[in-house]
Amino acid sequence: AAQKKENGDILSYDCSYNNLELSFGKESDLQTICARFTDYYEFI
């Protein structure tokens, strides 16, 4: 598990290393979350 302190986003592995989880710090709109997810996902 690791976290980006500035926005509260977390990369973790849920239960096992076969399952990757991206958890996003609370936001007021989905567009912002989607943009960050896209950046992470493309890199991963």
PDB file of all heavy atoms in Angstrom:
ATOM      1  N   ALA A   1       0.841  -1.197   0.000  1.00  0.00           N
ATOM      2  CA  ALA A   1       0.000   0.000   0.000  1.00  0.00           C
ATOM      3  C   ALA A   1       0.874   1.245   0.000  1.00  0.00           C
ATOM      4  O   ALA A   1       1.897   1.307   0.686  1.00  0.00           O
ATOM      5  CB  ALA A   1      -0.938   0.013   1.206  1.00  0.00           C
ATOM      6  N   ALA A   2       0.464   2.242  -0.783  1.00  0.00           N
ATOM      7  CA  ALA A   2       1.176   3.519  -0.852  1.00  0.00           C
ATOM      8  C   ALA A   2       0.170   4.623  -1.139  1.00  0.00           C
ATOM      9  O   ALA A   2      -0.875   4.383  -1.766  1.00  0.00           O
ATOM     10  CB  ALA A   2       2.250   3.490  -1.934  1.00  0.00           C
ATOM     11  N   GLN A   3       0.480   5.823  -0.674  1.00  0.00           N
ATOM     12  CA  GLN A   3      -0.472   6.933  -0.767  1.00  0.00           C
ATOM     13  C   GLN A   3       0.194   8.201  -1.290  1.00  0.00           C
ATOM     14  O   GLN A   3       1.355   8.473  -0.995  1.00  0.00           O
ATOM     15  CB  GLN A   3      -1.095   7.208   0.605  1.00  0.00           C
ATOM     16  CG  GLN A   3      -2.162   8.295   0.611  1.00  0.00           C
ATOM     17  CD  GLN A   3      -2.792   8.472   1.973  1.00  0.00           C
ATOM     18  OE1 GLN A   3      -2.100   8.468   3.001  1.00  0.00           O
ATOM     19  NE2 GLN A   3      -4.108   8.605   2.012  1.00  0.00           N
ATOM     20  N   LYS A   4      -0.575   8.961  -2.056  1.00  0.00           N
ATOM     21  CA  LYS A   4      -0.142  10.294  -2.479  1.00  0.00           C
ATOM     22  C   LYS A   4      -0.758  11.285  -1.492  1.00  0.00           C
ATOM     23  O   LYS A   4      -1.982  11.468  -1.455  1.00  0.00           O
ATOM     24  CB  LYS A   4      -0.610  10.588  -3.902  1.00  0.00           C
ATOM     25  CG  LYS A   4       0.048  11.824  -4.515  1.00  0.00           C
ATOM     26  CD  LYS A   4      -0.296  11.945  -5.990  1.00  0.00           C
ATOM     27  CE  LYS A   4       0.401  13.138  -6.629  1.00  0.00           C
ATOM     28  NZ  LYS A   4       1.870  12.990  -6.682  1.00  0.00           N
ATOM     29  N   LYS A   5       0.066  11.883  -0.679  1.00  0.00           N
ATOM     30  CA  LYS A   5      -0.421  12.706   0.424  1.00  0.00           C
ATOM     31  C   LYS A   5      -1.238  13.904  -0.050  1.00  0.00           C
ATOM     32  O   LYS A   5      -2.183  14.321   0.608  1.00  0.00           O
ATOM     33  CB  LYS A   5       0.761  13.195   1.277  1.00  0.00           C
ATOM     34  CG  LYS A   5       1.563  12.084   1.934  1.00  0.00           C
ATOM     35  CD  LYS A   5       0.730  11.312   2.933  1.00  0.00           C
ATOM     36  CE  LYS A   5       1.590  10.276   3.663  1.00  0.00           C
ATOM     37  NZ  LYS A   5       0.799   9.479   4.632  1.00  0.00           N
ATOM     38  N   GLU A   6      -0.869  14.462  -1.215  1.00  0.00           N
ATOM     39  CA  GLU A   6      -1.540  15.682  -1.669  1.00  0.00           C
ATOM     40  C   GLU A   6      -3.019  15.504  -1.918  1.00  0.00           C
ATOM     41  O   GLU A   6      -3.824  16.419  -1.703  1.00  0.00           O
ATOM     42  CB  GLU A   6      -0.882  16.204  -2.963  1.00  0.00           C
ATOM     43  CG  GLU A   6       0.546  16.668  -2.781  1.00  0.00           C
ATOM     44  CD  GLU A   6       1.545  15.567  -3.069  1.00  0.00           C
ATOM     45  OE1 GLU A   6       1.291  14.409  -2.701  1.00  0.00           O
ATOM     46  OE2 GLU A   6       2.596  15.885  -3.656  1.00  0.00           O
ATOM     47  N   ASN A   7      -3.435  14.316  -2.394  1.00  0.00           N
ATOM     48  CA  ASN A   7      -4.853  14.133  -2.717  1.00  0.00           C
ATOM     49  C   ASN A   7      -5.500  12.926  -2.049  1.00  0.00           C
ATOM     50  O   ASN A   7      -6.708  12.719  -2.184  1.00  0.00           O
ATOM     51  CB  ASN A   7      -5.048  14.043  -4.236  1.00  0.00           C
ATOM     52  CG  ASN A   7      -4.204  12.940  -4.872  1.00  0.00           C
ATOM     53  OD1 ASN A   7      -3.860  11.961  -4.236  1.00  0.00           O
ATOM     54  ND2 ASN A   7      -3.869  13.110  -6.149  1.00  0.00           N
ATOM     55  N   GLY A   8      -4.715  12.136  -1.323  1.00  0.00           N
ATOM     56  CA  GLY A   8      -5.277  10.993  -0.611  1.00  0.00           C
ATOM     57  C   GLY A   8      -5.449   9.743  -1.439  1.00  0.00           C
ATOM     58  O   GLY A   8      -5.986   8.742  -0.947  1.00  0.00           O
ATOM     59  N   ASP A   9      -4.990   9.741  -2.700  1.00  0.00           N
ATOM     60  CA  ASP A   9      -5.106   8.547  -3.535  1.00  0.00           C
ATOM     61  C   ASP A   9      -4.216   7.435  -2.984  1.00  0.00           C
ATOM     62  O   ASP A   9      -3.113   7.697  -2.480  1.00  0.00           O
ATOM     63  CB  ASP A   9      -4.689   8.846  -4.974  1.00  0.00           C
ATOM     64  CG  ASP A   9      -5.661   9.776  -5.686  1.00  0.00           C
ATOM     65  OD1 ASP A   9      -6.726  10.073  -5.123  1.00  0.00           O
ATOM     66  OD2 ASP A   9      -5.344  10.203  -6.815  1.00  0.00           O
ATOM     67  N   ILE A  10      -4.701   6.194  -3.106  1.00  0.00           N
ATOM     68  CA  ILE A  10      -3.955   5.044  -2.595  1.00  0.00           C
ATOM     69  C   ILE A  10      -3.851   3.965  -3.663  1.00  0.00           C
ATOM     70  O   ILE A  10      -4.855   3.605  -4.300  1.00  0.00           O
ATOM     71  CB  ILE A  10      -4.624   4.456  -1.334  1.00  0.00           C
ATOM     72  CG1 ILE A  10      -4.596   5.474  -0.186  1.00  0.00           C
ATOM     73  CG2 ILE A  10      -3.944   3.153  -0.908  1.00  0.00           C
ATOM     74  CD1 ILE A  10      -5.346   5.014   1.051  1.00  0.00           C
ATOM     75  N   LEU A  11      -2.665   3.456  -3.862  1.00  0.00           N
ATOM     76  CA  LEU A  11      -2.440   2.234  -4.625  1.00  0.00           C
ATOM     77  C   LEU A  11      -2.245   1.121  -3.611  1.00  0.00           C
ATOM     78  O   LEU A  11      -1.430   1.248  -2.694  1.00  0.00           O
ATOM     79  CB  LEU A  11      -1.183   2.352  -5.494  1.00  0.00           C
ATOM     80  CG  LEU A  11      -0.701   1.018  -6.114  1.00  0.00           C
ATOM     81  CD1 LEU A  11      -1.521   0.675  -7.336  1.00  0.00           C
ATOM     82  CD2 LEU A  11       0.782   1.082  -6.464  1.00  0.00           C
ATOM     83  N   SER A  12      -3.004   0.039  -3.761  1.00  0.00           N
ATOM     84  CA  SER A  12      -2.858  -1.075  -2.827  1.00  0.00           C
ATOM     85  C   SER A  12      -3.181  -2.375  -3.536  1.00  0.00           C
ATOM     86  O   SER A  12      -3.625  -2.389  -4.689  1.00  0.00           O
ATOM     87  CB  SER A  12      -3.775  -0.893  -1.608  1.00  0.00           C
ATOM     88  OG  SER A  12      -5.137  -0.910  -2.001  1.00  0.00           O
ATOM     89  N   TYR A  13      -2.939  -3.451  -2.834  1.00  0.00           N
ATOM     90  CA  TYR A  13      -3.294  -4.778  -3.325  1.00  0.00           C
ATOM     91  C   TYR A  13      -4.287  -5.361  -2.343  1.00  0.00           C
ATOM     92  O   TYR A  13      -4.031  -5.448  -1.143  1.00  0.00           O
ATOM     93  CB  TYR A  13      -2.043  -5.637  -3.498  1.00  0.00           C
ATOM     94  CG  TYR A  13      -1.128  -5.053  -4.545  1.00  0.00           C
ATOM     95  CD1 TYR A  13      -0.082  -4.198  -4.180  1.00  0.00           C
ATOM     96  CD2 TYR A  13      -1.358  -5.284  -5.901  1.00  0.00           C
ATOM     97  CE1 TYR A  13       0.726  -3.611  -5.147  1.00  0.00           C
ATOM     98  CE2 TYR A  13      -0.553  -4.687  -6.864  1.00  0.00           C
ATOM     99  CZ  TYR A  13       0.481  -3.856  -6.483  1.00  0.00           C
ATOM    100  OH  TYR A  13       1.260  -3.257  -7.434  1.00  0.00           O
ATOM    101  N   ASP A  14      -5.461  -5.718  -2.849  1.00  0.00           N
ATOM    102  CA  ASP A  14      -6.552  -6.148  -1.989  1.00  0.00           C
ATOM    103  C   ASP A  14      -6.496  -7.651  -1.773  1.00  0.00           C
ATOM    104  O   ASP A  14      -6.697  -8.432  -2.718  1.00  0.00           O
ATOM    105  CB  ASP A  14      -7.897  -5.756  -2.616  1.00  0.00           C
ATOM    106  CG  ASP A  14      -9.062  -6.020  -1.695  1.00  0.00           C
ATOM    107  OD1 ASP A  14      -9.178  -5.343  -0.670  1.00  0.00           O
ATOM    108  OD2 ASP A  14      -9.854  -6.950  -1.989  1.00  0.00           O
ATOM    109  N   CYS A  15      -6.208  -8.046  -0.574  1.00  0.00           N
ATOM    110  CA  CYS A  15      -6.130  -9.460  -0.154  1.00  0.00           C
ATOM    111  C   CYS A  15      -4.912 -10.186  -0.714  1.00  0.00           C
ATOM    112  O   CYS A  15      -4.252 -10.926   0.003  1.00  0.00           O
ATOM    113  CB  CYS A  15      -7.394 -10.233  -0.525  1.00  0.00           C
ATOM    114  SG  CYS A  15      -8.839  -9.763   0.442  1.00  0.00           S
ATOM    115  N   SER A  16      -4.630  -9.995  -2.015  1.00  0.00           N
ATOM    116  CA  SER A  16      -3.495 -10.701  -2.601  1.00  0.00           C
ATOM    117  C   SER A  16      -2.832  -9.818  -3.654  1.00  0.00           C
ATOM    118  O   SER A  16      -3.378  -8.798  -4.069  1.00  0.00           O
ATOM    119  CB  SER A  16      -3.943 -12.018  -3.241  1.00  0.00           C
ATOM    120  OG  SER A  16      -4.424 -11.798  -4.559  1.00  0.00           O
ATOM    121  N   TYR A  17      -1.675 -10.256  -4.125  1.00  0.00           N
ATOM    122  CA  TYR A  17      -0.969  -9.525  -5.170  1.00  0.00           C
ATOM    123  C   TYR A  17      -1.501  -9.865  -6.562  1.00  0.00           C
ATOM    124  O   TYR A  17      -0.896  -9.500  -7.568  1.00  0.00           O
ATOM    125  CB  TYR A  17       0.535  -9.781  -5.079  1.00  0.00           C
ATOM    126  CG  TYR A  17       1.169  -9.114  -3.880  1.00  0.00           C
ATOM    127  CD1 TYR A  17       1.691  -9.870  -2.831  1.00  0.00           C
ATOM    128  CD2 TYR A  17       1.221  -7.725  -3.790  1.00  0.00           C
ATOM    129  CE1 TYR A  17       2.270  -9.253  -1.719  1.00  0.00           C
ATOM    130  CE2 TYR A  17       1.784  -7.100  -2.684  1.00  0.00           C
ATOM    131  CZ  TYR A  17       2.305  -7.866  -1.653  1.00  0.00           C
ATOM    132  OH  TYR A  17       2.860  -7.249  -0.559  1.00  0.00           O
ATOM    133  N   ASN A  18      -2.635 -10.549  -6.614  1.00  0.00           N
ATOM    134  CA  ASN A  18      -3.327 -10.788  -7.880  1.00  0.00           C
ATOM    135  C   ASN A  18      -4.370  -9.710  -8.161  1.00  0.00           C
ATOM    136  O   ASN A  18      -4.997  -9.728  -9.223  1.00  0.00           O
ATOM    137  CB  ASN A  18      -4.048 -12.145  -7.856  1.00  0.00           C
ATOM    138  CG  ASN A  18      -3.102 -13.310  -7.708  1.00  0.00           C
ATOM    139  OD1 ASN A  18      -2.153 -13.436  -8.471  1.00  0.00           O
ATOM    140  ND2 ASN A  18      -3.351 -14.171  -6.731  1.00  0.00           N
ATOM    141  N   ASN A  19      -4.578  -8.814  -7.206  1.00  0.00           N
ATOM    142  CA  ASN A  19      -5.703  -7.886  -7.277  1.00  0.00           C
ATOM    143  C   ASN A  19      -5.237  -6.478  -6.923  1.00  0.00           C
ATOM    144  O   ASN A  19      -4.922  -6.195  -5.773  1.00  0.00           O
ATOM    145  CB  ASN A  19      -6.796  -8.340  -6.297  1.00  0.00           C
ATOM    146  CG  ASN A  19      -8.145  -7.726  -6.594  1.00  0.00           C
ATOM    147  OD1 ASN A  19      -8.458  -7.431  -7.738  1.00  0.00           O
ATOM    148  ND2 ASN A  19      -8.942  -7.534  -5.558  1.00  0.00           N
ATOM    149  N   LEU A  20      -5.173  -5.587  -7.911  1.00  0.00           N
ATOM    150  CA  LEU A  20      -4.713  -4.218  -7.698  1.00  0.00           C
ATOM    151  C   LEU A  20      -5.894  -3.306  -7.427  1.00  0.00           C
ATOM    152  O   LEU A  20      -6.934  -3.404  -8.081  1.00  0.00           O
ATOM    153  CB  LEU A  20      -3.926  -3.743  -8.921  1.00  0.00           C
ATOM    154  CG  LEU A  20      -3.258  -2.366  -8.836  1.00  0.00           C
ATOM    155  CD1 LEU A  20      -1.952  -2.376  -9.630  1.00  0.00           C
ATOM    156  CD2 LEU A  20      -4.155  -1.248  -9.364  1.00  0.00           C
ATOM    157  N   GLU A  21      -5.731  -2.421  -6.463  1.00  0.00           N
ATOM    158  CA  GLU A  21      -6.812  -1.488  -6.120  1.00  0.00           C
ATOM    159  C   GLU A  21      -6.312  -0.045  -6.181  1.00  0.00           C
ATOM    160  O   GLU A  21      -5.224   0.267  -5.684  1.00  0.00           O
ATOM    161  CB  GLU A  21      -7.355  -1.771  -4.715  1.00  0.00           C
ATOM    162  CG  GLU A  21      -8.457  -0.805  -4.289  1.00  0.00           C
ATOM    163  CD  GLU A  21      -9.105  -1.168  -2.962  1.00  0.00           C
ATOM    164  OE1 GLU A  21      -8.775  -2.242  -2.406  1.00  0.00           O
ATOM    165  OE2 GLU A  21      -9.935  -0.376  -2.472  1.00  0.00           O
ATOM    166  N   LEU A  22      -7.120   0.805  -6.794  1.00  0.00           N
ATOM    167  CA  LEU A  22      -6.888   2.246  -6.773  1.00  0.00           C
ATOM    168  C   LEU A  22      -8.041   2.889  -6.017  1.00  0.00           C
ATOM    169  O   LEU A  22      -9.203   2.751  -6.403  1.00  0.00           O
ATOM    170  CB  LEU A  22      -6.807   2.807  -8.191  1.00  0.00           C
ATOM    171  CG  LEU A  22      -5.562   2.436  -8.992  1.00  0.00           C
ATOM    172  CD1 LEU A  22      -5.707   2.863 -10.448  1.00  0.00           C
ATOM    173  CD2 LEU A  22      -4.306   3.049  -8.376  1.00  0.00           C
ATOM    174  N   SER A  23      -7.701   3.548  -4.908  1.00  0.00           N
ATOM    175  CA  SER A  23      -8.696   4.249  -4.097  1.00  0.00           C
ATOM    176  C   SER A  23      -8.389   5.736  -4.175  1.00  0.00           C
ATOM    177  O   SER A  23      -7.232   6.141  -4.025  1.00  0.00           O
ATOM    178  CB  SER A  23      -8.630   3.786  -2.641  1.00  0.00           C
ATOM    179  OG  SER A  23      -8.742   2.385  -2.548  1.00  0.00           O
ATOM    180  N   PHE A  24      -9.424   6.520  -4.380  1.00  0.00           N
ATOM    181  CA  PHE A  24      -9.213   7.947  -4.618  1.00  0.00           C
ATOM    182  C   PHE A  24      -9.669   8.783  -3.430  1.00  0.00           C
ATOM    183  O   PHE A  24     -10.730   8.533  -2.844  1.00  0.00           O
ATOM    184  CB  PHE A  24      -9.951   8.379  -5.887  1.00  0.00           C
ATOM    185  CG  PHE A  24      -9.427   7.689  -7.108  1.00  0.00           C
ATOM    186  CD1 PHE A  24      -9.903   6.444  -7.484  1.00  0.00           C
ATOM    187  CD2 PHE A  24      -8.401   8.254  -7.854  1.00  0.00           C
ATOM    188  CE1 PHE A  24      -9.391   5.780  -8.585  1.00  0.00           C
ATOM    189  CE2 PHE A  24      -7.883   7.598  -8.958  1.00  0.00           C
ATOM    190  CZ  PHE A  24      -8.374   6.359  -9.324  1.00  0.00           C
ATOM    191  N   GLY A  25      -8.839   9.747  -3.069  1.00  0.00           N
ATOM    192  CA  GLY A  25      -9.220  10.675  -2.026  1.00  0.00           C
ATOM    193  C   GLY A  25     -10.519  11.379  -2.399  1.00  0.00           C
ATOM    194  O   GLY A  25     -10.801  11.581  -3.581  1.00  0.00           O
ATOM    195  N   LYS A  26     -11.300  11.745  -1.406  1.00  0.00           N
ATOM    196  CA  LYS A  26     -12.633  12.284  -1.683  1.00  0.00           C
ATOM    197  C   LYS A  26     -12.557  13.543  -2.541  1.00  0.00           C
ATOM    198  O   LYS A  26     -11.692  14.400  -2.366  1.00  0.00           O
ATOM    199  CB  LYS A  26     -13.381  12.563  -0.383  1.00  0.00           C
ATOM    200  CG  LYS A  26     -12.814  13.650   0.498  1.00  0.00           C
ATOM    201  CD  LYS A  26     -13.678  13.816   1.739  1.00  0.00           C
ATOM    202  CE  LYS A  26     -13.175  14.948   2.624  1.00  0.00           C
ATOM    203  NZ  LYS A  26     -14.020  15.131   3.829  1.00  0.00           N
ATOM    204  N   GLU A  27     -13.475  13.613  -3.488  1.00  0.00           N
ATOM    205  CA  GLU A  27     -13.566  14.738  -4.411  1.00  0.00           C
ATOM    206  C   GLU A  27     -15.029  15.142  -4.554  1.00  0.00           C
ATOM    207  O   GLU A  27     -15.938  14.386  -4.205  1.00  0.00           O
ATOM    208  CB  GLU A  27     -13.010  14.362  -5.787  1.00  0.00           C
ATOM    209  CG  GLU A  27     -11.512  14.137  -5.831  1.00  0.00           C
ATOM    210  CD  GLU A  27     -10.709  15.429  -5.677  1.00  0.00           C
ATOM    211  OE1 GLU A  27     -11.313  16.524  -5.778  1.00  0.00           O
ATOM    212  OE2 GLU A  27      -9.495  15.337  -5.456  1.00  0.00           O
ATOM    213  N   SER A  28     -15.233  16.328  -5.120  1.00  0.00           N
ATOM    214  CA  SER A  28     -16.604  16.813  -5.298  1.00  0.00           C
ATOM    215  C   SER A  28     -17.164  16.479  -6.669  1.00  0.00           C
ATOM    216  O   SER A  28     -18.352  16.667  -6.919  1.00  0.00           O
ATOM    217  CB  SER A  28     -16.656  18.333  -5.085  1.00  0.00           C
ATOM    218  OG  SER A  28     -15.784  18.995  -5.996  1.00  0.00           O
ATOM    219  N   ASP A  29     -16.308  15.979  -7.580  1.00  0.00           N
ATOM    220  CA  ASP A  29     -16.819  15.636  -8.908  1.00  0.00           C
ATOM    221  C   ASP A  29     -16.083  14.424  -9.464  1.00  0.00           C
ATOM    222  O   ASP A  29     -14.921  14.153  -9.124  1.00  0.00           O
ATOM    223  CB  ASP A  29     -16.681  16.820  -9.863  1.00  0.00           C
ATOM    224  CG  ASP A  29     -15.238  17.056 -10.278  1.00  0.00           C
ATOM    225  OD1 ASP A  29     -14.496  17.669  -9.475  1.00  0.00           O
ATOM    226  OD2 ASP A  29     -14.869  16.627 -11.379  1.00  0.00           O
ATOM    227  N   LEU A  30     -16.767  13.706 -10.349  1.00  0.00           N
ATOM    228  CA  LEU A  30     -16.229  12.474 -10.912  1.00  0.00           C
ATOM    229  C   LEU A  30     -15.213  12.725 -12.020  1.00  0.00           C
ATOM    230  O   LEU A  30     -14.358  11.877 -12.285  1.00  0.00           O
ATOM    231  CB  LEU A  30     -17.366  11.611 -11.463  1.00  0.00           C
ATOM    232  CG  LEU A  30     -18.161  10.793 -10.448  1.00  0.00           C
ATOM    233  CD1 LEU A  30     -19.319  10.085 -11.125  1.00  0.00           C
ATOM    234  CD2 LEU A  30     -17.256   9.786  -9.746  1.00  0.00           C
ATOM    235  N   GLN A  31     -15.313  13.861 -12.674  1.00  0.00           N
ATOM    236  CA  GLN A  31     -14.385  14.148 -13.762  1.00  0.00           C
ATOM    237  C   GLN A  31     -12.941  14.173 -13.255  1.00  0.00           C
ATOM    238  O   GLN A  31     -12.026  13.659 -13.907  1.00  0.00           O
ATOM    239  CB  GLN A  31     -14.732  15.498 -14.411  1.00  0.00           C
ATOM    240  CG  GLN A  31     -16.138  15.596 -14.975  1.00  0.00           C
ATOM    241  CD  GLN A  31     -16.278  14.933 -16.335  1.00  0.00           C
ATOM    242  OE1 GLN A  31     -15.440  14.144 -16.745  1.00  0.00           O
ATOM    243  NE2 GLN A  31     -17.351  15.243 -17.040  1.00  0.00           N
ATOM    244  N   THR A  32     -12.749  14.776 -12.089  1.00  0.00           N
ATOM    245  CA  THR A  32     -11.408  14.855 -11.499  1.00  0.00           C
ATOM    246  C   THR A  32     -10.873  13.464 -11.186  1.00  0.00           C
ATOM    247  O   THR A  32      -9.700  13.150 -11.454  1.00  0.00           O
ATOM    248  CB  THR A  32     -11.447  15.708 -10.216  1.00  0.00           C
ATOM    249  OG1 THR A  32     -11.895  17.018 -10.534  1.00  0.00           O
ATOM    250  CG2 THR A  32     -10.075  15.793  -9.565  1.00  0.00           C
ATOM    251  N   ILE A  33     -11.723  12.620 -10.613  1.00  0.00           N
ATOM    252  CA  ILE A  33     -11.312  11.251 -10.287  1.00  0.00           C
ATOM    253  C   ILE A  33     -10.983  10.483 -11.550  1.00  0.00           C
ATOM    254  O   ILE A  33      -9.969   9.761 -11.621  1.00  0.00           O
ATOM    255  CB  ILE A  33     -12.422  10.544  -9.484  1.00  0.00           C
ATOM    256  CG1 ILE A  33     -12.598  11.215  -8.121  1.00  0.00           C
ATOM    257  CG2 ILE A  33     -12.110   9.060  -9.316  1.00  0.00           C
ATOM    258  CD1 ILE A  33     -13.774  10.699  -7.318  1.00  0.00           C
ATOM    259  N   CYS A  34     -11.807  10.625 -12.569  1.00  0.00           N
ATOM    260  CA  CYS A  34     -11.592   9.901 -13.822  1.00  0.00           C
ATOM    261  C   CYS A  34     -10.267  10.289 -14.464  1.00  0.00           C
ATOM    262  O   CYS A  34      -9.542   9.437 -14.990  1.00  0.00           O
ATOM    263  CB  CYS A  34     -12.747  10.174 -14.780  1.00  0.00           C
ATOM    264  SG  CYS A  34     -12.638   9.239 -16.325  1.00  0.00           S
ATOM    265  N   ALA A  35      -9.930  11.567 -14.411  1.00  0.00           N
ATOM    266  CA  ALA A  35      -8.677  12.027 -15.011  1.00  0.00           C
ATOM    267  C   ALA A  35      -7.474  11.405 -14.309  1.00  0.00           C
ATOM    268  O   ALA A  35      -6.508  10.974 -14.965  1.00  0.00           O
ATOM    269  CB  ALA A  35      -8.602  13.554 -14.954  1.00  0.00           C
ATOM    270  N   ARG A  36      -7.526  11.344 -12.983  1.00  0.00           N
ATOM    271  CA  ARG A  36      -6.398  10.751 -12.247  1.00  0.00           C
ATOM    272  C   ARG A  36      -6.333   9.246 -12.503  1.00  0.00           C
ATOM    273  O   ARG A  36      -5.244   8.675 -12.650  1.00  0.00           O
ATOM    274  CB  ARG A  36      -6.521  11.056 -10.743  1.00  0.00           C
ATOM    275  CG  ARG A  36      -6.408  12.539 -10.419  1.00  0.00           C
ATOM    276  CD  ARG A  36      -5.778  12.789  -9.071  1.00  0.00           C
ATOM    277  NE  ARG A  36      -6.499  12.228  -7.945  1.00  0.00           N
ATOM    278  CZ  ARG A  36      -7.430  12.874  -7.242  1.00  0.00           C
ATOM    279  NH1 ARG A  36      -7.774  14.123  -7.576  1.00  0.00           N
ATOM    280  NH2 ARG A  36      -8.011  12.299  -6.209  1.00  0.00           N
ATOM    281  N   PHE A  37      -7.492   8.603 -12.529  1.00  0.00           N
ATOM    282  CA  PHE A  37      -7.514   7.168 -12.812  1.00  0.00           C
ATOM    283  C   PHE A  37      -6.875   6.878 -14.169  1.00  0.00           C
ATOM    284  O   PHE A  37      -6.079   5.940 -14.306  1.00  0.00           O
ATOM    285  CB  PHE A  37      -8.947   6.632 -12.799  1.00  0.00           C
ATOM    286  CG  PHE A  37      -9.055   5.218 -13.299  1.00  0.00           C
ATOM    287  CD1 PHE A  37      -8.658   4.153 -12.509  1.00  0.00           C
ATOM    288  CD2 PHE A  37      -9.527   4.944 -14.586  1.00  0.00           C
ATOM    289  CE1 PHE A  37      -8.728   2.838 -12.972  1.00  0.00           C
ATOM    290  CE2 PHE A  37      -9.607   3.645 -15.059  1.00  0.00           C
ATOM    291  CZ  PHE A  37      -9.204   2.593 -14.254  1.00  0.00           C
ATOM    292  N   THR A  38      -7.206   7.687 -15.167  1.00  0.00           N
ATOM    293  CA  THR A  38      -6.669   7.484 -16.507  1.00  0.00           C
ATOM    294  C   THR A  38      -5.148   7.558 -16.511  1.00  0.00           C
ATOM    295  O   THR A  38      -4.462   6.718 -17.119  1.00  0.00           O
ATOM    296  CB  THR A  38      -7.249   8.525 -17.478  1.00  0.00           C
ATOM    297  OG1 THR A  38      -8.684   8.380 -17.521  1.00  0.00           O
ATOM    298  CG2 THR A  38      -6.685   8.345 -18.879  1.00  0.00           C
ATOM    299  N   ASP A  39      -4.597   8.530 -15.813  1.00  0.00           N
ATOM    300  CA  ASP A  39      -3.133   8.665 -15.736  1.00  0.00           C
ATOM    301  C   ASP A  39      -2.508   7.428 -15.103  1.00  0.00           C
ATOM    302  O   ASP A  39      -1.517   6.874 -15.614  1.00  0.00           O
ATOM    303  CB  ASP A  39      -2.755   9.899 -14.926  1.00  0.00           C
ATOM    304  CG  ASP A  39      -3.002  11.192 -15.678  1.00  0.00           C
ATOM    305  OD1 ASP A  39      -3.197  11.141 -16.906  1.00  0.00           O
ATOM    306  OD2 ASP A  39      -3.018  12.258 -15.030  1.00  0.00           O
ATOM    307  N   TYR A  40      -3.066   7.006 -13.970  1.00  0.00           N
ATOM    308  CA  TYR A  40      -2.515   5.837 -13.272  1.00  0.00           C
ATOM    309  C   TYR A  40      -2.638   4.578 -14.129  1.00  0.00           C
ATOM    310  O   TYR A  40      -1.696   3.792 -14.249  1.00  0.00           O
ATOM    311  CB  TYR A  40      -3.253   5.612 -11.946  1.00  0.00           C
ATOM    312  CG  TYR A  40      -3.185   6.752 -10.949  1.00  0.00           C
ATOM    313  CD1 TYR A  40      -4.216   6.958 -10.029  1.00  0.00           C
ATOM    314  CD2 TYR A  40      -2.101   7.623 -10.895  1.00  0.00           C
ATOM    315  CE1 TYR A  40      -4.167   7.985  -9.090  1.00  0.00           C
ATOM    316  CE2 TYR A  40      -2.038   8.655  -9.968  1.00  0.00           C
ATOM    317  CZ  TYR A  40      -3.084   8.833  -9.069  1.00  0.00           C
ATOM    318  OH  TYR A  40      -3.044   9.851  -8.149  1.00  0.00           O
ATOM    319  N   TYR A  41      -3.818   4.404 -14.695  1.00  0.00           N
ATOM    320  CA  TYR A  41      -4.100   3.161 -15.422  1.00  0.00           C
ATOM    321  C   TYR A  41      -3.214   3.013 -16.649  1.00  0.00           C
ATOM    322  O   TYR A  41      -2.698   1.921 -16.925  1.00  0.00           O
ATOM    323  CB  TYR A  41      -5.575   3.106 -15.820  1.00  0.00           C
ATOM    324  CG  TYR A  41      -5.997   1.779 -16.411  1.00  0.00           C
ATOM    325  CD1 TYR A  41      -6.311   0.703 -15.567  1.00  0.00           C
ATOM    326  CD2 TYR A  41      -6.063   1.580 -17.788  1.00  0.00           C
ATOM    327  CE1 TYR A  41      -6.683  -0.524 -16.101  1.00  0.00           C
ATOM    328  CE2 TYR A  41      -6.432   0.365 -18.328  1.00  0.00           C
ATOM    329  CZ  TYR A  41      -6.741  -0.685 -17.477  1.00  0.00           C
ATOM    330  OH  TYR A  41      -7.098  -1.905 -18.003  1.00  0.00           O
ATOM    331  N   GLU A  42      -3.041   4.089 -17.392  1.00  0.00           N
ATOM    332  CA  GLU A  42      -2.207   4.018 -18.592  1.00  0.00           C
ATOM    333  C   GLU A  42      -0.773   3.645 -18.243  1.00  0.00           C
ATOM    334  O   GLU A  42      -0.133   2.845 -18.943  1.00  0.00           O
ATOM    335  CB  GLU A  42      -2.250   5.359 -19.338  1.00  0.00           C
ATOM    336  CG  GLU A  42      -3.585   5.604 -20.044  1.00  0.00           C
ATOM    337  CD  GLU A  42      -3.628   6.935 -20.763  1.00  0.00           C
ATOM    338  OE1 GLU A  42      -2.782   7.814 -20.441  1.00  0.00           O
ATOM    339  OE2 GLU A  42      -4.507   7.131 -21.624  1.00  0.00           O
ATOM    340  N   PHE A  43      -0.266   4.188 -17.142  1.00  0.00           N
ATOM    341  CA  PHE A  43       1.090   3.853 -16.734  1.00  0.00           C
ATOM    342  C   PHE A  43       1.179   2.397 -16.285  1.00  0.00           C
ATOM    343  O   PHE A  43       2.091   1.662 -16.686  1.00  0.00           O
ATOM    344  CB  PHE A  43       1.541   4.774 -15.604  1.00  0.00           C
ATOM    345  CG  PHE A  43       2.921   4.462 -15.084  1.00  0.00           C
ATOM    346  CD1 PHE A  43       4.047   4.921 -15.749  1.00  0.00           C
ATOM    347  CD2 PHE A  43       3.090   3.696 -13.939  1.00  0.00           C
ATOM    348  CE1 PHE A  43       5.325   4.613 -15.284  1.00  0.00           C
ATOM    349  CE2 PHE A  43       4.358   3.384 -13.467  1.00  0.00           C
ATOM    350  CZ  PHE A  43       5.472   3.850 -14.135  1.00  0.00           C
ATOM    351  N   ILE A  44       0.234   1.972 -15.450  1.00  0.00           N
ATOM    352  CA  ILE A  44       0.254   0.614 -14.912  1.00  0.00           C
ATOM    353  C   ILE A  44       0.194  -0.423 -16.028  1.00  0.00           C
ATOM    354  O   ILE A  44       0.975  -1.389 -16.051  1.00  0.00           O
ATOM    355  CB  ILE A  44      -0.913   0.408 -13.924  1.00  0.00           C
ATOM    356  CG1 ILE A  44      -0.671   1.221 -12.650  1.00  0.00           C
ATOM    357  CG2 ILE A  44      -1.089  -1.075 -13.588  1.00  0.00           C
ATOM    358  CD1 ILE A  44      -1.884   1.305 -11.738  1.00  0.00           C
TER     359      ILE A  44
END
